[in-house]
Protein backbone atom coordinates (compact mmCIF):
# COMPACT_ATOMS: atom_id res chain seq x y z
CA MET A 1 3.41 1.96 -13.68
CA LYS A 2 5.64 3.02 -16.57
CA SER A 3 2.52 3.84 -18.73
CA LYS A 4 2.42 7.50 -20.01
CA ASP A 5 -1.16 7.32 -21.00
CA SER A 6 -3.20 9.50 -19.26
CA SER A 7 -6.43 7.34 -19.68
CA ASP A 8 -4.54 4.50 -18.12
CA CYS A 9 -6.95 3.29 -15.19
CA THR A 10 -3.81 1.43 -13.55
CA VAL A 11 -3.50 4.14 -10.92
CA GLN A 12 -7.12 4.19 -10.05
CA ALA A 13 -7.25 0.43 -9.52
CA LEU A 14 -4.09 0.30 -7.49
CA PHE A 15 -5.78 2.92 -5.26
CA ASP A 16 -9.02 0.90 -5.17
CA GLU A 17 -6.80 -2.05 -3.89
CA LEU A 18 -5.04 0.08 -1.50
CA LYS A 19 -8.17 1.49 -0.11
CA ALA A 20 -9.46 -2.13 0.19
CA LEU A 21 -6.51 -2.80 2.22
CA GLU A 22 -6.97 0.02 4.22
CA GLU A 23 -10.42 -0.93 5.13
CA HIS A 24 -9.35 -4.50 6.39
CA LEU A 25 -6.30 -2.80 8.43
CA LYS A 26 -8.85 -0.42 10.05
CA ALA A 27 -11.03 -3.40 11.16
CA HIS A 28 -8.71 -6.09 11.73
CA GLY A 29 -5.12 -4.34 12.03
CA PRO A 30 -2.43 -3.28 12.96
CA TYR A 31 -1.30 -6.37 10.75
CA VAL A 32 -3.31 -8.49 8.26
CA ASN A 33 -4.31 -11.00 10.60
CA GLY A 34 -4.81 -8.84 13.58
CA GLN A 35 -2.32 -8.25 16.56
CA ASN A 36 0.62 -10.40 15.55
CA VAL A 37 2.95 -10.31 12.40
CA TYR A 38 2.57 -13.17 10.16
CA SER A 39 4.37 -14.68 6.93
CA VAL A 40 1.66 -12.59 4.75
CA ASP A 41 2.50 -9.31 6.41
CA MET A 42 6.71 -10.23 5.80
CA SER A 43 5.48 -11.00 2.04
CA LEU A 44 3.73 -8.02 1.56
CA ALA A 45 6.42 -5.67 3.24
CA PRO A 46 9.03 -5.66 0.40
CA LYS A 47 6.13 -5.33 -2.19
CA LEU A 48 4.72 -2.15 -0.53
CA TYR A 49 8.13 -0.96 -0.38
CA HIS A 50 8.88 -1.39 -4.23
CA LEU A 51 5.20 0.02 -4.81
CA GLU A 52 6.36 3.19 -2.97
CA VAL A 53 9.36 3.72 -4.66
CA ALA A 54 8.26 3.01 -7.97
CA LEU A 55 5.15 5.36 -7.86
CA GLU A 56 7.42 8.20 -6.52
CA HIS A 57 9.49 7.69 -9.67
CA PHE A 58 7.27 7.06 -12.36
CA LYS A 59 4.11 8.39 -11.26
CA LYS A 60 5.06 11.12 -8.90
CA TRP A 61 2.29 9.82 -6.62
CA SER A 62 2.55 8.43 -3.02
CA VAL A 63 0.60 6.68 -0.63
CA THR A 64 -2.03 9.40 0.55
CA GLU A 65 -2.69 10.51 3.92
CA CYS A 66 -6.10 9.40 3.70
CA LEU A 67 -4.48 5.91 3.52
CA SER A 68 -3.16 6.55 7.30
CA HIS A 69 -3.66 2.47 8.36
CA VAL A 70 -1.66 1.68 5.12
CA ARG A 71 0.98 4.04 5.71
CA ASN A 72 1.17 3.05 9.55
CA TYR A 73 1.32 -0.31 8.46
CA MET A 74 4.06 0.45 6.09
CA LYS A 75 6.01 2.44 8.55
CA GLN A 76 5.64 -0.84 11.50
CA LEU A 77 6.72 -3.08 8.96
CA ALA A 78 9.95 -0.97 7.94
CA ARG A 79 10.98 -0.95 11.53
């Protein structure tokens, strides 16, 4: 995340992983295992929060609107 190298592909790799999460949530959501919150959701919530903060700080990038299921998932877990 801290890399200043413009040829660094970490942002694209991260976006690809978030896109995979988006597709999973779209098909099986609103939570990772379906309709109920499980430990995997509670484990993922702080990681996504830290990701959001770090992306904004280091890359001036945020989870985009095209990842609407991921954004909604993050909002639901923040409640």
